[in-house]
PDB file of N, CA and C in Angstrom:
ATOM      1  N   MET A   1     157.537 140.289  43.224  1.00  0.00           N
ATOM      2  CA  MET A   1     156.296 139.862  42.623  1.00  0.00           C
ATOM      3  C   MET A   1     156.642 139.197  41.298  1.00  0.00           C
ATOM      4  N   THR A   2     156.049 138.050  41.103  1.00  0.00           N
ATOM      5  CA  THR A   2     156.319 137.294  39.876  1.00  0.00           C
ATOM      6  C   THR A   2     155.459 137.846  38.765  1.00  0.00           C
ATOM      7  N   GLY A   3     155.757 137.422  37.576  1.00  0.00           N
ATOM      8  CA  GLY A   3     155.003 137.874  36.404  1.00  0.00           C
ATOM      9  C   GLY A   3     153.561 137.418  36.473  1.00  0.00           C
ATOM     10  N   GLU A   4     153.373 136.213  36.984  1.00  0.00           N
ATOM     11  CA  GLU A   4     152.002 135.675  37.098  1.00  0.00           C
ATOM     12  C   GLU A   4     151.209 136.471  38.124  1.00  0.00           C
ATOM     13  N   GLU A   5     151.828 136.802  39.235  1.00  0.00           N
ATOM     14  CA  GLU A   5     151.162 137.601  40.268  1.00  0.00           C
ATOM     15  C   GLU A   5     150.844 139.007  39.739  1.00  0.00           C
ATOM     16  N   MET A   6     151.819 139.525  38.964  1.00  0.00           N
ATOM     17  CA  MET A   6     151.602 140.833  38.364  1.00  0.00           C
ATOM     18  C   MET A   6     150.448 140.771  37.379  1.00  0.00           C
ATOM     19  N   GLU A   7     150.372 139.724  36.615  1.00  0.00           N
ATOM     20  CA  GLU A   7     149.298 139.559  35.634  1.00  0.00           C
ATOM     21  C   GLU A   7     147.952 139.449  36.338  1.00  0.00           C
ATOM     22  N   ARG A   8     147.872 138.665  37.431  1.00  0.00           N
ATOM     23  CA  ARG A   8     146.632 138.540  38.202  1.00  0.00           C
ATOM     24  C   ARG A   8     146.238 139.876  38.827  1.00  0.00           C
ATOM     25  N   ALA A   9     147.204 140.609  39.315  1.00  0.00           N
ATOM     26  CA  ALA A   9     146.930 141.915  39.907  1.00  0.00           C
ATOM     27  C   ALA A   9     146.378 142.870  38.853  1.00  0.00           C
ATOM     28  N   ILE A  10     146.966 142.854  37.659  1.00  0.00           N
ATOM     29  CA  ILE A  10     146.470 143.721  36.575  1.00  0.00           C
ATOM     30  C   ILE A  10     145.067 143.295  36.184  1.00  0.00           C
ATOM     31  N   GLU A  11     144.824 141.983  36.060  1.00  0.00           N
ATOM     32  CA  GLU A  11     143.481 141.489  35.721  1.00  0.00           C
ATOM     33  C   GLU A  11     142.471 141.914  36.788  1.00  0.00           C
ATOM     34  N   PHE A  12     142.898 141.814  38.068  1.00  0.00           N
ATOM     35  CA  PHE A  12     142.015 142.230  39.158  1.00  0.00           C
ATOM     36  C   PHE A  12     141.698 143.721  39.050  1.00  0.00           C
ATOM     37  N   LEU A  13     142.723 144.515  38.806  1.00  0.00           N
ATOM     38  CA  LEU A  13     142.513 145.959  38.668  1.00  0.00           C
ATOM     39  C   LEU A  13     141.609 146.279  37.477  1.00  0.00           C
ATOM     40  N   LEU A  14     141.844 145.608  36.355  1.00  0.00           N
ATOM     41  CA  LEU A  14     141.015 145.836  35.170  1.00  0.00           C
ATOM     42  C   LEU A  14     139.572 145.410  35.420  1.00  0.00           C
ATOM     43  N   LYS A  15     139.402 144.255  36.078  1.00  0.00           N
ATOM     44  CA  LYS A  15     138.048 143.782  36.402  1.00  0.00           C
ATOM     45  C   LYS A  15     137.383 144.745  37.370  1.00  0.00           C
ATOM     46  N   SER A  16     138.125 145.222  38.368  1.00  0.00           N
ATOM     47  CA  SER A  16     137.578 146.170  39.344  1.00  0.00           C
ATOM     48  C   SER A  16     137.181 147.473  38.650  1.00  0.00           C
ATOM     49  N   GLN A  17     138.040 147.925  37.737  1.00  0.00           N
ATOM     50  CA  GLN A  17     137.735 149.156  37.011  1.00  0.00           C
ATOM     51  C   GLN A  17     136.501 148.949  36.123  1.00  0.00           C
ATOM     52  N   ALA A  18     136.387 147.807  35.457  1.00  0.00           N
ATOM     53  CA  ALA A  18     135.226 147.505  34.604  1.00  0.00           C
ATOM     54  C   ALA A  18     133.961 147.437  35.455  1.00  0.00           C
ATOM     55  N   ASP A  19     134.049 146.811  36.625  1.00  0.00           N
ATOM     56  CA  ASP A  19     132.886 146.752  37.520  1.00  0.00           C
ATOM     57  C   ASP A  19     132.479 148.160  37.975  1.00  0.00           C
ATOM     58  N   PHE A  20     133.513 148.972  38.295  1.00  0.00           N
ATOM     59  CA  PHE A  20     133.220 150.341  38.705  1.00  0.00           C
ATOM     60  C   PHE A  20     132.505 151.094  37.586  1.00  0.00           C
ATOM     61  N   TYR A  21     133.011 150.984  36.343  1.00  0.00           N
ATOM     62  CA  TYR A  21     132.379 151.670  35.214  1.00  0.00           C
ATOM     63  C   TYR A  21     130.952 151.167  34.988  1.00  0.00           C
ATOM     64  N   ALA A  22     130.728 149.869  35.188  1.00  0.00           N
ATOM     65  CA  ALA A  22     129.386 149.299  35.011  1.00  0.00           C
ATOM     66  C   ALA A  22     128.437 149.855  36.075  1.00  0.00           C
ATOM     67  N   ARG A  23     128.931 149.886  37.325  1.00  0.00           N
ATOM     68  CA  ARG A  23     128.094 150.451  38.396  1.00  0.00           C
ATOM     69  C   ARG A  23     127.834 151.931  38.152  1.00  0.00           C
ATOM     70  N   GLN A  24     128.857 152.652  37.694  1.00  0.00           N
ATOM     71  CA  GLN A  24     128.709 154.083  37.409  1.00  0.00           C
ATOM     72  C   GLN A  24     127.705 154.292  36.272  1.00  0.00           C
ATOM     73  N   ALA A  25     127.765 153.455  35.241  1.00  0.00           N
ATOM     74  CA  ALA A  25     126.832 153.574  34.114  1.00  0.00           C
ATOM     75  C   ALA A  25     125.402 153.292  34.585  1.00  0.00           C
ATOM     76  N   ALA A  26     125.238 152.278  35.443  1.00  0.00           N
ATOM     77  CA  ALA A  26     123.904 151.961  35.977  1.00  0.00           C
ATOM     78  C   ALA A  26     123.403 153.120  36.835  1.00  0.00           C
ATOM     79  N   PHE A  27     124.292 153.676  37.661  1.00  0.00           N
ATOM     80  CA  PHE A  27     123.913 154.816  38.489  1.00  0.00           C
ATOM     81  C   PHE A  27     123.523 156.005  37.612  1.00  0.00           C
ATOM     82  N   ASP A  28     124.325 156.275  36.575  1.00  0.00           N
ATOM     83  CA  ASP A  28     124.027 157.393  35.662  1.00  0.00           C
ATOM     84  C   ASP A  28     122.678 157.187  34.965  1.00  0.00           C
ATOM     85  N   ALA A  29     122.399 155.961  34.542  1.00  0.00           N
ATOM     86  CA  ALA A  29     121.119 155.673  33.862  1.00  0.00           C
ATOM     87  C   ALA A  29     119.949 155.865  34.824  1.00  0.00           C
ATOM     88  N   LYS A  30     120.123 155.371  36.054  1.00  0.00           N
ATOM     89  CA  LYS A  30     119.066 155.537  37.053  1.00  0.00           C
ATOM     90  C   LYS A  30     118.863 157.016  37.377  1.00  0.00           C
ATOM     91  N   PHE A  31     119.966 157.742  37.538  1.00  0.00           N
ATOM     92  CA  PHE A  31     119.887 159.167  37.830  1.00  0.00           C
ATOM     93  C   PHE A  31     119.180 159.908  36.694  1.00  0.00           C
ATOM     94  N   GLU A  32     119.524 159.576  35.456  1.00  0.00           N
ATOM     95  CA  GLU A  32     118.898 160.231  34.296  1.00  0.00           C
ATOM     96  C   GLU A  32     117.400 159.934  34.240  1.00  0.00           C
ATOM     97  N   ALA A  33     117.018 158.688  34.526  1.00  0.00           N
ATOM     98  CA  ALA A  33     115.594 158.331  34.530  1.00  0.00           C
ATOM     99  C   ALA A  33     114.850 159.107  35.614  1.00  0.00           C
ATOM    100  N   GLU A  34     115.445 159.195  36.792  1.00  0.00           N
ATOM    101  CA  GLU A  34     114.814 159.940  37.887  1.00  0.00           C
ATOM    102  C   GLU A  34     114.741 161.434  37.574  1.00  0.00           C
ATOM    103  N   ARG A  35     115.779 161.956  36.911  1.00  0.00           N
ATOM    104  CA  ARG A  35     115.776 163.361  36.520  1.00  0.00           C
ATOM    105  C   ARG A  35     114.649 163.627  35.513  1.00  0.00           C
ATOM    106  N   GLU A  36     114.491 162.748  34.551  1.00  0.00           N
ATOM    107  CA  GLU A  36     113.408 162.899  33.566  1.00  0.00           C
ATOM    108  C   GLU A  36     112.036 162.828  34.248  1.00  0.00           C
ATOM    109  N   GLN A  37     111.892 161.904  35.175  1.00  0.00           N
ATOM    110  CA  GLN A  37     110.623 161.786  35.905  1.00  0.00           C
ATOM    111  C   GLN A  37     110.360 163.064  36.712  1.00  0.00           C
ATOM    112  N   THR A  38     111.385 163.575  37.351  1.00  0.00           N
ATOM    113  CA  THR A  38     111.242 164.815  38.118  1.00  0.00           C
ATOM    114  C   THR A  38     110.845 165.970  37.196  1.00  0.00           C
ATOM    115  N   ASN A  39     111.470 166.048  36.038  1.00  0.00           N
ATOM    116  CA  ASN A  39     111.135 167.104  35.076  1.00  0.00           C
ATOM    117  C   ASN A  39     109.690 166.973  34.596  1.00  0.00           C
ATOM    118  N   ARG A  40     109.227 165.744  34.356  1.00  0.00           N
ATOM    119  CA  ARG A  40     107.821 165.523  33.957  1.00  0.00           C
ATOM    120  C   ARG A  40     106.882 165.995  35.059  1.00  0.00           C
ATOM    121  N   GLN A  41     107.221 165.641  36.291  1.00  0.00           N
ATOM    122  CA  GLN A  41     106.373 166.051  37.417  1.00  0.00           C
ATOM    123  C   GLN A  41     106.345 167.573  37.557  1.00  0.00           C
ATOM    124  N   ILE A  42     107.481 168.204  37.360  1.00  0.00           N
ATOM    125  CA  ILE A  42     107.531 169.675  37.435  1.00  0.00           C
ATOM    126  C   ILE A  42     106.660 170.280  36.334  1.00  0.00           C
ATOM    127  N   ARG A  43     106.739 169.730  35.118  1.00  0.00           N
ATOM    128  CA  ARG A  43     105.899 170.236  34.019  1.00  0.00           C
ATOM    129  C   ARG A  43     104.422 170.033  34.331  1.00  0.00           C
ATOM    130  N   GLN A  44     104.073 168.877  34.885  1.00  0.00           N
ATOM    131  CA  GLN A  44     102.673 168.611  35.241  1.00  0.00           C
ATOM    132  C   GLN A  44     102.195 169.582  36.316  1.00  0.00           C
ATOM    133  N   LEU A  45     103.039 169.829  37.298  1.00  0.00           N
ATOM    134  CA  LEU A  45     102.673 170.789  38.348  1.00  0.00           C
ATOM    135  C   LEU A  45     102.484 172.183  37.773  1.00  0.00           C
ATOM    136  N   ALA A  46     103.356 172.576  36.860  1.00  0.00           N
ATOM    137  CA  ALA A  46     103.253 173.899  36.245  1.00  0.00           C
ATOM    138  C   ALA A  46     101.963 174.003  35.436  1.00  0.00           C
ATOM    139  N   GLU A  47     101.633 172.932  34.703  1.00  0.00           N
ATOM    140  CA  GLU A  47     100.380 172.924  33.935  1.00  0.00           C
ATOM    141  C   GLU A  47      99.175 172.993  34.870  1.00  0.00           C
ATOM    142  N   GLY A  48      99.231 172.219  35.950  1.00  0.00           N
ATOM    143  CA  GLY A  48      98.149 172.249  36.936  1.00  0.00           C
ATOM    144  C   GLY A  48      98.010 173.613  37.566  1.00  0.00           C
ATOM    145  N   GLN A  49      99.127 174.244  37.844  1.00  0.00           N
ATOM    146  CA  GLN A  49      99.103 175.587  38.436  1.00  0.00           C
ATOM    147  C   GLN A  49      98.484 176.579  37.458  1.00  0.00           C
ATOM    148  N   GLN A  50      98.820 176.458  36.176  1.00  0.00           N
ATOM    149  CA  GLN A  50      98.257 177.355  35.161  1.00  0.00           C
ATOM    150  C   GLN A  50      96.747 177.133  35.037  1.00  0.00           C
ATOM    151  N   GLU A  51      96.321 175.872  35.037  1.00  0.00           N
ATOM    152  CA  GLU A  51      94.894 175.566  34.958  1.00  0.00           C
ATOM    153  C   GLU A  51      94.157 176.125  36.174  1.00  0.00           C
ATOM    154  N   THR A  52      94.764 175.983  37.328  1.00  0.00           N
ATOM    155  CA  THR A  52      94.151 176.515  38.553  1.00  0.00           C
ATOM    156  C   THR A  52      94.042 178.035  38.475  1.00  0.00           C
ATOM    157  N   LYS A  53      95.086 178.675  37.982  1.00  0.00           N
ATOM    158  CA  LYS A  53      95.074 180.130  37.838  1.00  0.00           C
ATOM    159  C   LYS A  53      93.954 180.562  36.888  1.00  0.00           C
ATOM    160  N   GLU A  54      93.836 179.866  35.756  1.00  0.00           N
ATOM    161  CA  GLU A  54      92.781 180.199  34.790  1.00  0.00           C
ATOM    162  C   GLU A  54      91.403 179.975  35.400  1.00  0.00           C
ATOM    163  N   PHE A  55      91.249 178.875  36.134  1.00  0.00           N
ATOM    164  CA  PHE A  55      89.964 178.587  36.783  1.00  0.00           C
ATOM    165  C   PHE A  55      89.615 179.672  37.787  1.00  0.00           C
ATOM    166  N   LEU A  56      90.596 180.089  38.592  1.00  0.00           N
ATOM    167  CA  LEU A  56      90.348 181.126  39.592  1.00  0.00           C
ATOM    168  C   LEU A  56      90.005 182.465  38.939  1.00  0.00           C
ATOM    169  N   ASN A  57      90.660 182.779  37.825  1.00  0.00           N
ATOM    170  CA  ASN A  57      90.329 184.004  37.100  1.00  0.00           C
ATOM    171  C   ASN A  57      88.892 183.960  36.589  1.00  0.00           C
ATOM    172  N   GLU A  58      88.512 182.821  36.019  1.00  0.00           N
ATOM    173  CA  GLU A  58      87.146 182.663  35.512  1.00  0.00           C
ATOM    174  C   GLU A  58      86.144 182.737  36.660  1.00  0.00           C
ATOM    175  N   LEU A  59      86.453 182.079  37.757  1.00  0.00           N
ATOM    176  CA  LEU A  59      85.570 182.101  38.920  1.00  0.00           C
ATOM    177  C   LEU A  59      85.441 183.523  39.465  1.00  0.00           C
ATOM    178  N   SER A  60      86.534 184.241  39.468  1.00  0.00           N
ATOM    179  CA  SER A  60      86.527 185.623  39.941  1.00  0.00           C
ATOM    180  C   SER A  60      85.611 186.483  39.067  1.00  0.00           C
ATOM    181  N   GLN A  61      85.654 186.277  37.769  1.00  0.00           N
ATOM    182  CA  GLN A  61      84.786 187.026  36.862  1.00  0.00           C
ATOM    183  C   GLN A  61      83.319 186.674  37.099  1.00  0.00           C
ATOM    184  N   ILE A  62      83.046 185.394  37.331  1.00  0.00           N
ATOM    185  CA  ILE A  62      81.669 184.961  37.586  1.00  0.00           C
ATOM    186  C   ILE A  62      81.149 185.586  38.876  1.00  0.00           C
ATOM    187  N   VAL A  63      81.980 185.581  39.917  1.00  0.00           N
ATOM    188  CA  VAL A  63      81.570 186.164  41.199  1.00  0.00           C
ATOM    189  C   VAL A  63      81.313 187.665  41.040  1.00  0.00           C
ATOM    190  N   ALA A  64      82.178 188.342  40.289  1.00  0.00           N
ATOM    191  CA  ALA A  64      81.997 189.783  40.075  1.00  0.00           C
ATOM    192  C   ALA A  64      80.690 190.048  39.331  1.00  0.00           C
ATOM    193  N   GLN A  65      80.413 189.237  38.296  1.00  0.00           N
ATOM    194  CA  GLN A  65      79.170 189.410  37.539  1.00  0.00           C
ATOM    195  C   GLN A  65      77.969 189.130  38.429  1.00  0.00           C
ATOM    196  N   ASN A  66      78.050 188.092  39.249  1.00  0.00           N
ATOM    197  CA  ASN A  66      76.946 187.782  40.165  1.00  0.00           C
ATOM    198  C   ASN A  66      76.718 188.927  41.144  1.00  0.00           C
ATOM    199  N   SER A  67      77.787 189.535  41.608  1.00  0.00           N
ATOM    200  CA  SER A  67      77.655 190.674  42.526  1.00  0.00           C
ATOM    201  C   SER A  67      76.943 191.830  41.837  1.00  0.00           C
ATOM    202  N   ARG A  68      77.329 192.095  40.583  1.00  0.00           N
ATOM    203  CA  ARG A  68      76.652 193.163  39.836  1.00  0.00           C
ATOM    204  C   ARG A  68      75.178 192.828  39.625  1.00  0.00           C
ATOM    205  N   ASP A  69      74.894 191.560  39.295  1.00  0.00           N
ATOM    206  CA  ASP A  69      73.503 191.133  39.089  1.00  0.00           C
ATOM    207  C   ASP A  69      72.691 191.280  40.369  1.00  0.00           C
ATOM    208  N   ILE A  70      73.293 190.899  41.489  1.00  0.00           N
ATOM    209  CA  ILE A  70      72.591 190.996  42.777  1.00  0.00           C
ATOM    210  C   ILE A  70      72.301 192.452  43.106  1.00  0.00           C
ATOM    211  N   ALA A  71      73.270 193.324  42.854  1.00  0.00           N
ATOM    212  CA  ALA A  71      73.058 194.751  43.117  1.00  0.00           C
ATOM    213  C   ALA A  71      71.930 195.292  42.244  1.00  0.00           C
ATOM    214  N   GLN A  72      71.941 194.900  40.978  1.00  0.00           N
ATOM    215  CA  GLN A  72      70.891 195.355  40.066  1.00  0.00           C
ATOM    216  C   GLN A  72      69.533 194.799  40.499  1.00  0.00           C
ATOM    217  N   ASN A  73      69.494 193.525  40.868  1.00  0.00           N
ATOM    218  CA  ASN A  73      68.244 192.918  41.323  1.00  0.00           C
ATOM    219  C   ASN A  73      67.740 193.590  42.600  1.00  0.00           C
ATOM    220  N   SER A  74      68.652 193.959  43.476  1.00  0.00           N
ATOM    221  CA  SER A  74      68.258 194.640  44.713  1.00  0.00           C
ATOM    222  C   SER A  74      67.607 195.981  44.403  1.00  0.00           C
ATOM    223  N   GLN A  75      68.172 196.697  43.435  1.00  0.00           N
ATOM    224  CA  GLN A  75      67.577 197.973  43.031  1.00  0.00           C
ATOM    225  C   GLN A  75      66.182 197.750  42.451  1.00  0.00           C
ATOM    226  N   GLN A  76      66.056 196.720  41.625  1.00  0.00           N
ATOM    227  CA  GLN A  76      64.756 196.431  41.013  1.00  0.00           C
ATOM    228  C   GLN A  76      63.740 196.017  42.070  1.00  0.00           C
ATOM    229  N   ILE A  77      64.193 195.242  43.049  1.00  0.00           N
ATOM    230  CA  ILE A  77      63.293 194.835  44.135  1.00  0.00           C
ATOM    231  C   ILE A  77      62.872 196.063  44.938  1.00  0.00           C
ATOM    232  N   GLY A  78      63.803 196.976  45.186  1.00  0.00           N
ATOM    233  CA  GLY A  78      63.473 198.210  45.895  1.00  0.00           C
ATOM    234  C   GLY A  78      62.432 199.017  45.127  1.00  0.00           C
ATOM    235  N   HIS A  79      62.614 199.112  43.821  1.00  0.00           N
ATOM    236  CA  HIS A  79      61.658 199.839  42.989  1.00  0.00           C
ATOM    237  C   HIS A  79      60.295 199.146  43.012  1.00  0.00           C
ATOM    238  N   LEU A  80      60.300 197.830  42.881  1.00  0.00           N
ATOM    239  CA  LEU A  80      59.039 197.078  42.911  1.00  0.00           C
ATOM    240  C   LEU A  80      58.339 197.229  44.262  1.00  0.00           C
ATOM    241  N   SER A  81      59.121 197.315  45.321  1.00  0.00           N
ATOM    242  CA  SER A  81      58.555 197.501  46.651  1.00  0.00           C
ATOM    243  C   SER A  81      57.816 198.837  46.722  1.00  0.00           C
ATOM    244  N   VAL A  82      58.400 199.888  46.172  1.00  0.00           N
ATOM    245  CA  VAL A  82      57.764 201.204  46.150  1.00  0.00           C
ATOM    246  C   VAL A  82      56.487 201.147  45.316  1.00  0.00           C
ATOM    247  N   VAL A  83      56.566 200.493  44.166  1.00  0.00           N
ATOM    248  CA  VAL A  83      55.382 200.365  43.298  1.00  0.00           C
ATOM    249  C   VAL A  83      54.286 199.609  44.038  1.00  0.00           C
ATOM    250  N   LEU A  84      54.654 198.534  44.717  1.00  0.00           N
ATOM    251  CA  LEU A  84      53.665 197.735  45.448  1.00  0.00           C
ATOM    252  C   LEU A  84      53.033 198.557  46.574  1.00  0.00           C
ATOM    253  N   GLU A  85      53.832 199.334  47.273  1.00  0.00           N
ATOM    254  CA  GLU A  85      53.281 200.199  48.322  1.00  0.00           C
ATOM    255  C   GLU A  85      52.267 201.173  47.727  1.00  0.00           C
ATOM    256  N   ASN A  86      52.589 201.714  46.561  1.00  0.00           N
ATOM    257  CA  ASN A  86      51.659 202.627  45.888  1.00  0.00           C
ATOM    258  C   ASN A  86      50.374 201.913  45.497  1.00  0.00           C
ATOM    259  N   VAL A  87      50.496 200.679  44.988  1.00  0.00           N
ATOM    260  CA  VAL A  87      49.312 199.904  44.602  1.00  0.00           C
ATOM    261  C   VAL A  87      48.454 199.635  45.828  1.00  0.00           C
ATOM    262  N   VAL A  88      49.086 199.255  46.942  1.00  0.00           N
ATOM    263  CA  VAL A  88      48.336 198.981  48.175  1.00  0.00           C
ATOM    264  C   VAL A  88      47.644 200.255  48.657  1.00  0.00           C
ATOM    265  N   GLU A  89      48.331 201.384  48.588  1.00  0.00           N
ATOM    266  CA  GLU A  89      47.747 202.650  49.011  1.00  0.00           C
ATOM    267  C   GLU A  89      46.524 202.999  48.149  1.00  0.00           C
ATOM    268  N   VAL A  90      46.657 202.843  46.841  1.00  0.00           N
ATOM    269  CA  VAL A  90      45.530 203.118  45.933  1.00  0.00           C
ATOM    270  C   VAL A  90      44.395 202.150  46.216  1.00  0.00           C
ATOM    271  N   GLN A  91      44.734 200.875  46.439  1.00  0.00           N
ATOM    272  CA  GLN A  91      43.699 199.879  46.725  1.00  0.00           C
ATOM    273  C   GLN A  91      42.958 200.223  48.017  1.00  0.00           C
ATOM    274  N   ASN A  92      43.705 200.648  49.025  1.00  0.00           N
ATOM    275  CA  ASN A  92      43.051 201.050  50.290  1.00  0.00           C
ATOM    276  C   ASN A  92      42.124 202.245  50.077  1.00  0.00           C
ATOM    277  N   ARG A  93      42.566 203.239  49.295  1.00  0.00           N
ATOM    278  CA  ARG A  93      41.692 204.386  49.008  1.00  0.00           C
ATOM    279  C   ARG A  93      40.450 203.943  48.247  1.00  0.00           C
ATOM    280  N   ASN A  94      40.650 203.039  47.293  1.00  0.00           N
ATOM    281  CA  ASN A  94      39.507 202.522  46.531  1.00  0.00           C
ATOM    282  C   ASN A  94      38.538 201.784  47.454  1.00  0.00           C
ATOM    283  N   ASN A  95      39.094 200.995  48.362  1.00  0.00           N
ATOM    284  CA  ASN A  95      38.234 200.271  49.313  1.00  0.00           C
ATOM    285  C   ASN A  95      37.441 201.250  50.171  1.00  0.00           C
ATOM    286  N   GLU A  96      38.119 202.335  50.620  1.00  0.00           N
ATOM    287  CA  GLU A  96      37.423 203.342  51.422  1.00  0.00           C
ATOM    288  C   GLU A  96      36.320 204.013  50.609  1.00  0.00           C
ATOM    289  N   GLU A  97      36.640 204.333  49.357  1.00  0.00           N
ATOM    290  CA  GLU A  97      35.636 204.983  48.497  1.00  0.00           C
ATOM    291  C   GLU A  97      34.486 204.035  48.199  1.00  0.00           C
ATOM    292  N   ILE A  98      34.808 202.760  47.968  1.00  0.00           N
ATOM    293  CA  ILE A  98      33.745 201.772  47.726  1.00  0.00           C
ATOM    294  C   ILE A  98      32.887 201.622  48.976  1.00  0.00           C
ATOM    295  N   GLY A  99      33.531 201.600  50.137  1.00  0.00           N
ATOM    296  CA  GLY A  99      32.774 201.509  51.397  1.00  0.00           C
ATOM    297  C   GLY A  99      31.844 202.701  51.558  1.00  0.00           C
ATOM    298  N   ALA A 100      32.342 203.907  51.267  1.00  0.00           N
ATOM    299  CA  ALA A 100      31.509 205.105  51.367  1.00  0.00           C
ATOM    300  C   ALA A 100      30.375 205.043  50.363  1.00  0.00           C
ATOM    301  N   LEU A 101      30.672 204.555  49.161  1.00  0.00           N
ATOM    302  CA  LEU A 101      29.648 204.436  48.128  1.00  0.00           C
ATOM    303  C   LEU A 101      28.584 203.424  48.537  1.00  0.00           C
ATOM    304  N   ILE A 102      29.005 202.326  49.149  1.00  0.00           N
ATOM    305  CA  ILE A 102      28.049 201.311  49.615  1.00  0.00           C
ATOM    306  C   ILE A 102      27.134 201.909  50.678  1.00  0.00           C
ATOM    307  N   LYS A 103      27.698 202.681  51.582  1.00  0.00           N
ATOM    308  CA  LYS A 103      26.877 203.329  52.611  1.00  0.00           C
ATOM    309  C   LYS A 103      25.896 204.304  51.972  1.00  0.00           C
ATOM    310  N   LEU A 104      26.390 205.055  50.995  1.00  0.00           N
ATOM    311  CA  LEU A 104      25.530 206.025  50.325  1.00  0.00           C
ATOM    312  C   LEU A 104      24.389 205.335  49.607  1.00  0.00           C
ATOM    313  N   VAL A 105      24.740 204.296  48.851  1.00  0.00           N
ATOM    314  CA  VAL A 105      23.709 203.550  48.116  1.00  0.00           C
ATOM    315  C   VAL A 105      22.775 202.871  49.110  1.00  0.00           C
ATOM    316  N   GLY A 106      23.341 202.334  50.187  1.00  0.00           N
ATOM    317  CA  GLY A 106      22.492 201.698  51.213  1.00  0.00           C
ATOM    318  C   GLY A 106      21.523 202.697  51.809  1.00  0.00           C
ATOM    319  N   GLY A 107      22.001 203.903  52.061  1.00  0.00           N
ATOM    320  CA  GLY A 107      21.131 204.939  52.605  1.00  0.00           C
ATOM    321  C   GLY A 107      20.039 205.314  51.622  1.00  0.00           C
ATOM    322  N   ILE A 108      20.392 205.397  50.358  1.00  0.00           N
ATOM    323  CA  ILE A 108      19.391 205.728  49.341  1.00  0.00           C
ATOM    324  C   ILE A 108      18.357 204.629  49.253  1.00  0.00           C
ATOM    325  N   VAL A 109      18.814 203.382  49.234  1.00  0.00           N
ATOM    326  CA  VAL A 109      17.890 202.249  49.134  1.00  0.00           C
ATOM    327  C   VAL A 109      17.005 202.212  50.367  1.00  0.00           C
ATOM    328  N   GLU A 110      17.525 202.450  51.520  1.00  0.00           N
ATOM    329  CA  GLU A 110      16.742 202.474  52.747  1.00  0.00           C
ATOM    330  C   GLU A 110      15.702 203.591  52.691  1.00  0.00           C
ATOM    331  N   GLY A 111      16.148 204.751  52.191  1.00  0.00           N
ATOM    332  CA  GLY A 111      15.242 205.895  52.095  1.00  0.00           C
ATOM    333  C   GLY A 111      14.083 205.598  51.177  1.00  0.00           C
ATOM    334  N   ARG A 112      14.258 204.887  50.129  1.00  0.00           N
ATOM    335  CA  ARG A 112      13.186 204.521  49.221  1.00  0.00           C
ATOM    336  C   ARG A 112      12.295 203.483  49.844  1.00  0.00           C
ATOM    337  N   GLY A 113      12.895 202.606  50.613  1.00  0.00           N
ATOM    338  CA  GLY A 113      12.106 201.555  51.256  1.00  0.00           C
ATOM    339  C   GLY A 113      11.199 202.131  52.321  1.00  0.00           C
ATOM    340  N   ASN A 114      11.487 203.282  52.875  1.00  0.00           N
ATOM    341  CA  ASN A 114      10.681 203.904  53.929  1.00  0.00           C
ATOM    342  C   ASN A 114       9.628 204.844  53.321  1.00  0.00           C
ATOM    343  N   GLY A 115       9.526 204.915  52.050  1.00  0.00           N
ATOM    344  CA  GLY A 115       8.555 205.765  51.401  1.00  0.00           C
ATOM    345  C   GLY A 115       9.033 207.187  51.249  1.00  0.00           C
ATOM    346  N   LYS A 116      10.222 207.419  51.561  1.00  0.00           N
ATOM    347  CA  LYS A 116      10.770 208.774  51.427  1.00  0.00           C
ATOM    348  C   LYS A 116      11.173 208.976  49.998  1.00  0.00           C
ATOM    349  N   SER A 117      10.967 210.184  49.555  1.00  0.00           N
ATOM    350  CA  SER A 117      11.397 210.472  48.190  1.00  0.00           C
ATOM    351  C   SER A 117      12.805 211.030  48.259  1.00  0.00           C
ATOM    352  N   VAL A 118      13.511 210.647  47.323  1.00  0.00           N
ATOM    353  CA  VAL A 118      14.893 211.105  47.246  1.00  0.00           C
ATOM    354  C   VAL A 118      14.980 212.092  46.102  1.00  0.00           C
ATOM    355  N   SER A 119      15.499 213.274  46.365  1.00  0.00           N
ATOM    356  CA  SER A 119      15.600 214.229  45.291  1.00  0.00           C
ATOM    357  C   SER A 119      17.009 214.370  44.836  1.00  0.00           C
TER     358      SER A 119
END
């Protein structure tokens, strides 16, 4: 091998090595950018997961409170139902007493209309 051939071979090797380093640097830069993007996405997912967890906890508390409210309202409705039944019962007795009173008064009025004395 002549000196010129040796020089060209060394230049080729140096150029090949420089190209390799350039490609490696580009690959490393691309890899680093993708790694950073992946890390951002992981952080966003973790934040989203935390927000979802907090939302579910809040929703769970709301559902529990609604259940307690419904139970309390059911008790109040049950109590009101009993009160209403009592009111209806009293009203029916009053209606019966008013009906009896109307008959009594009607009988008295009839008795006076027939010339009968009422004592």
